[in-house]
């Protein structure tokens, strides 16, 4: 057989396979069962709930004339604090501390640049802090004279089980309510769910972000009050119900 002929037959076979795959993926949801009268509906849900956990970010800095002096001054404050925090941290919280960064500080006078000293900086992050404990941790870091503090990455954590995905469950209920209304309006009723398809997966995200700053004086007299962010979770599904006639 001529090479061009073999190539043409291979190309035709390949195109046929692609067409078959495309037909399967393009099959509408109503074709998930054969020989059945069905009703296809969408279900949507938007759930708002308070955040349960948050990350705390803190930065510590020391300024001295030499890099060694700046590093020593920083570690004098940071090292003991890190040991105390490690002793208090319990799961699911995690304590992450970055290595020290030392940078020169420059003074600019009439276009001339002169070395003014060095700044040593270390940051730490407490992750997955329960919101009801965040105020106490913020107070501890404020008392340790952190140069800056911020609350980041609010999350709404749930345990595994029926309530782990509230938006998804609400979307399924919404689909059933719509299907029942449509079936009743047409003089019929719905039966069992034949197919379920997740169109938009739940993706919790905060409605707003909150940042608190501390001036490092350590003079706070009471524990900061932390207002948790509100998390928004959206979900959308497609459901196919069996449709039953009243006759």
Protein backbone atom coordinates (compact mmCIF):
# COMPACT_ATOMS: atom_id res chain seq x y z
CA UNK A 1 0.00 0.00 0.00
CA UNK A 2 1.25 3.46 -0.84
CA UNK A 3 2.55 5.39 2.22
CA UNK A 4 0.20 8.31 1.51
CA UNK A 5 -2.79 5.93 1.44
CA UNK A 6 -1.78 4.40 4.79
CA UNK A 7 -1.38 7.88 6.27
CA UNK A 8 -4.82 8.93 4.99
CA UNK A 9 -6.48 5.86 6.50
CA UNK A 10 -4.76 6.50 9.83
CA UNK A 11 -5.92 10.14 9.80
CA UNK A 12 -9.52 9.10 9.08
CA UNK A 13 -9.47 6.55 11.88
CA UNK A 14 -8.01 9.10 14.30
CA UNK A 15 -10.68 11.66 13.39
CA UNK A 16 -13.42 9.07 13.88
CA UNK A 17 -12.14 8.28 17.38
CA UNK A 18 -12.04 11.99 18.25
CA UNK A 19 -15.60 12.41 17.00
CA UNK A 20 -16.77 9.52 19.15
CA UNK A 21 -15.07 10.96 22.24
CA UNK A 22 -16.57 14.37 21.54
CA UNK A 23 -20.03 12.88 21.18
CA UNK A 24 -19.72 11.15 24.53
CA UNK A 25 -18.59 14.33 26.31
CA UNK A 26 -21.20 16.43 24.56
CA UNK A 27 -24.01 14.11 25.65
CA UNK A 28 -26.59 16.19 27.52
CA UNK A 29 -27.48 15.47 31.14
CA UNK A 30 -30.93 14.32 30.08
CA UNK A 31 -29.32 11.31 28.37
CA UNK A 32 -27.89 9.89 31.60
CA UNK A 33 -30.67 7.27 31.52
CA UNK A 34 -32.49 5.57 28.68
CA UNK A 35 -36.23 5.16 28.20
CA UNK A 36 -37.20 7.52 31.02
CA UNK A 37 -39.03 10.83 31.18
CA UNK A 38 -36.78 13.24 33.02
CA UNK A 39 -36.62 16.81 34.26
CA UNK A 40 -33.28 18.65 34.33
CA UNK A 41 -32.80 21.64 36.65
CA UNK A 42 -30.00 23.76 38.06
CA UNK A 43 -29.51 24.36 41.77
CA UNK A 44 -27.66 27.38 43.16
CA UNK A 45 -26.59 28.33 46.67
CA UNK A 46 -24.64 31.11 48.36
CA UNK A 47 -23.76 30.56 52.00
CA UNK A 48 -22.28 33.14 54.37
CA UNK A 49 -20.74 32.05 57.65
CA UNK A 50 -18.23 33.49 60.11
CA UNK A 51 -14.60 32.51 59.80
CA UNK A 52 -13.33 30.00 62.33
CA UNK A 53 -9.56 30.33 61.83
CA UNK A 54 -7.09 33.02 60.83
CA UNK A 55 -3.33 33.45 60.27
CA UNK A 56 -1.32 35.98 62.28
CA UNK A 57 1.73 37.59 60.70
CA UNK A 58 4.27 39.47 62.82
CA UNK A 59 7.47 41.33 61.95
CA UNK A 60 10.33 42.21 64.30
CA UNK A 61 13.17 44.60 63.51
CA UNK A 62 16.35 45.87 65.17
CA UNK A 63 18.47 48.80 63.95
CA UNK A 64 22.13 49.17 64.90
CA UNK A 65 25.33 50.65 63.51
CA UNK A 66 26.81 47.29 62.45
CA UNK A 67 25.21 44.21 60.95
CA UNK A 68 26.46 42.02 63.82
CA UNK A 69 24.99 44.36 66.44
CA UNK A 70 21.65 44.47 64.60
CA UNK A 71 21.55 40.67 64.35
CA UNK A 72 22.39 40.22 68.04
CA UNK A 73 19.83 42.80 69.15
CA UNK A 74 17.13 41.11 67.10
CA UNK A 75 17.89 37.60 68.35
CA UNK A 76 17.89 38.84 71.95
CA UNK A 77 14.21 39.71 71.47
CA UNK A 78 13.16 37.13 68.92
CA UNK A 79 14.82 33.94 70.20
CA UNK A 80 13.17 33.73 73.65
CA UNK A 81 9.82 34.73 72.16
CA UNK A 82 10.05 31.94 69.59
CA UNK A 83 10.72 29.38 72.34
CA UNK A 84 7.68 30.57 74.32
CA UNK A 85 5.42 30.47 71.28
CA UNK A 86 6.55 26.95 70.35
CA UNK A 87 5.68 25.75 73.84
CA UNK A 88 2.14 27.17 73.51
CA UNK A 89 1.35 26.18 69.93
CA UNK A 90 -1.05 23.26 69.58
CA UNK A 91 -2.53 21.56 66.52
CA UNK A 92 -4.00 22.52 64.12
CA UNK A 93 -1.93 25.69 64.61
CA UNK A 94 1.54 25.92 63.11
CA UNK A 95 4.36 28.31 63.91
CA UNK A 96 6.58 29.33 60.99
CA UNK A 97 9.61 31.56 61.52
CA UNK A 98 11.72 33.02 58.73
CA UNK A 99 15.48 33.45 58.85
CA UNK A 100 16.89 36.86 59.65
CA UNK A 101 17.33 39.34 56.82
CA UNK A 102 19.96 42.06 57.28
CA UNK A 103 19.98 45.14 55.07
CA UNK A 104 22.04 48.33 55.08
CA UNK A 105 20.29 51.60 55.89
CA UNK A 106 21.29 54.57 53.78
CA UNK A 107 21.05 58.28 54.47
CA UNK A 108 20.62 60.67 51.55
CA UNK A 109 21.83 64.25 51.95
CA UNK A 110 21.89 66.58 48.95
CA UNK A 111 22.37 63.70 46.56
CA UNK A 112 25.07 62.02 48.65
CA UNK A 113 24.44 58.57 50.08
CA UNK A 114 26.09 57.51 53.32
CA UNK A 115 25.72 54.34 55.35
CA UNK A 116 23.55 55.00 58.41
CA UNK A 117 23.61 51.50 59.88
CA UNK A 118 21.94 48.14 59.45
CA UNK A 119 18.45 46.73 60.01
CA UNK A 120 17.87 43.09 60.93
CA UNK A 121 14.37 41.69 60.37
CA UNK A 122 12.62 38.41 61.17
CA UNK A 123 9.03 37.46 60.56
CA UNK A 124 6.85 34.75 62.01
CA UNK A 125 3.47 33.38 61.06
CA UNK A 126 0.94 31.55 63.19
CA UNK A 127 -1.40 29.62 60.91
CA UNK A 128 -4.86 28.19 61.59
CA UNK A 129 -5.36 30.14 64.80
CA UNK A 130 -8.92 29.72 66.16
CA UNK A 131 -10.61 33.10 65.87
CA UNK A 132 -11.68 33.05 69.52
CA UNK A 133 -8.00 32.71 70.51
CA UNK A 134 -6.58 35.25 68.05
CA UNK A 135 -6.95 38.17 70.46
CA UNK A 136 -4.78 36.49 73.10
CA UNK A 137 -2.08 35.69 70.54
CA UNK A 138 -2.16 39.25 69.22
CA UNK A 139 -1.73 40.53 72.77
CA UNK A 140 1.27 38.25 73.31
CA UNK A 141 2.96 39.53 70.17
CA UNK A 142 2.13 43.14 71.04
CA UNK A 143 3.69 42.69 74.48
CA UNK A 144 6.78 41.29 72.71
CA UNK A 145 7.02 44.64 70.87
CA UNK A 146 6.35 43.38 67.37
CA UNK A 147 6.96 46.13 64.83
CA UNK A 148 3.88 45.13 62.83
CA UNK A 149 1.00 42.67 63.14
CA UNK A 150 -1.64 41.59 60.68
CA UNK A 151 -4.50 39.11 60.46
CA UNK A 152 -4.59 37.24 57.14
CA UNK A 153 -6.21 34.29 55.36
CA UNK A 154 -9.48 33.89 57.19
CA UNK A 155 -10.97 30.42 56.70
CA UNK A 156 -14.18 28.66 57.72
CA UNK A 157 -13.16 25.13 58.60
CA UNK A 158 -15.65 22.31 59.08
CA UNK A 159 -15.27 18.70 60.09
CA UNK A 160 -15.79 15.95 57.55
CA UNK A 161 -19.38 14.78 57.29
CA UNK A 162 -22.77 15.92 56.12
CA UNK A 163 -22.08 19.55 57.06
CA UNK A 164 -18.64 19.75 55.43
CA UNK A 165 -20.03 21.35 52.24
CA UNK A 166 -23.09 23.40 53.23
CA UNK A 167 -23.27 25.31 49.94
CA UNK A 168 -23.24 22.10 47.92
CA UNK A 169 -25.99 20.57 50.06
CA UNK A 170 -28.03 23.77 49.75
CA UNK A 171 -27.62 23.73 45.96
CA UNK A 172 -29.03 20.19 45.81
CA UNK A 173 -32.00 21.25 47.94
CA UNK A 174 -32.54 24.25 45.67
CA UNK A 175 -32.57 21.98 42.61
CA UNK A 176 -35.17 19.71 44.21
CA UNK A 177 -37.38 22.68 45.12
CA UNK A 178 -37.24 23.98 41.56
CA UNK A 179 -37.94 20.55 40.12
CA UNK A 180 -40.96 20.05 42.40
CA UNK A 181 -42.38 23.45 41.41
CA UNK A 182 -41.93 22.78 37.69
CA UNK A 183 -43.39 19.29 37.92
CA UNK A 184 -46.40 20.45 39.94
CA UNK A 185 -47.09 23.25 37.47
CA UNK A 186 -47.22 20.67 34.69
CA UNK A 187 -49.47 18.29 36.62
CA UNK A 188 -46.73 15.79 37.38
CA UNK A 189 -44.35 14.91 40.19
CA UNK A 190 -40.68 14.11 40.47
CA UNK A 191 -39.16 10.79 41.37
CA UNK A 192 -35.65 9.82 42.31
CA UNK A 193 -32.51 11.71 41.34
CA UNK A 194 -31.01 10.03 38.29
CA UNK A 195 -27.95 12.23 37.77
CA UNK A 196 -26.08 14.94 39.67
CA UNK A 197 -23.38 17.13 38.17
CA UNK A 198 -21.30 19.73 40.01
CA UNK A 199 -21.06 22.84 37.83
CA UNK A 200 -19.34 25.19 40.30
CA UNK A 201 -17.44 23.69 43.21
CA UNK A 202 -17.64 25.39 46.62
CA UNK A 203 -14.77 27.85 46.99
CA UNK A 204 -14.90 29.71 50.31
CA UNK A 205 -13.48 33.22 50.22
CA UNK A 206 -13.61 36.18 52.59
CA UNK A 207 -15.96 39.08 51.90
CA UNK A 208 -13.40 41.50 53.30
CA UNK A 209 -9.91 41.48 54.77
CA UNK A 210 -8.85 42.81 58.15
CA UNK A 211 -5.44 44.16 59.09
CA UNK A 212 -4.34 45.34 62.52
CA UNK A 213 -1.09 47.17 63.21
CA UNK A 214 0.91 47.47 66.40
CA UNK A 215 3.44 50.20 67.09
CA UNK A 216 5.67 47.91 69.13
CA UNK A 217 5.30 49.81 72.41
CA UNK A 218 3.89 46.84 74.31
CA UNK A 219 1.68 49.20 76.30
CA UNK A 220 -1.68 47.61 75.47
CA UNK A 221 -3.77 47.14 78.60
CA UNK A 222 -6.35 44.67 77.33
CA UNK A 223 -6.67 41.80 74.90
CA UNK A 224 -7.59 42.93 71.36
CA UNK A 225 -11.12 42.09 70.26
CA UNK A 226 -11.06 40.19 66.96
CA UNK A 227 -14.11 40.36 64.73
CA UNK A 228 -14.09 37.35 62.38
CA UNK A 229 -14.48 37.90 58.67
CA UNK A 230 -17.52 36.50 56.90
CA UNK A 231 -16.76 33.70 54.47
CA UNK A 232 -18.82 33.26 51.29
CA UNK A 233 -19.23 29.83 49.71
CA UNK A 234 -21.02 29.37 46.40
CA UNK A 235 -22.03 26.18 44.60
CA UNK A 236 -24.02 25.23 41.51
CA UNK A 237 -25.20 21.80 40.42
CA UNK A 238 -27.27 20.23 37.66
CA UNK A 239 -29.74 17.52 38.67
CA UNK A 240 -31.81 15.14 36.56
CA UNK A 241 -34.99 13.84 38.20
CA UNK A 242 -37.33 11.13 37.02
CA UNK A 243 -40.66 12.69 36.04
CA UNK A 244 -43.85 10.84 36.98
CA UNK A 245 -47.35 11.43 35.65
CA UNK A 246 -50.31 11.50 38.06
CA UNK A 247 -52.39 9.40 35.68
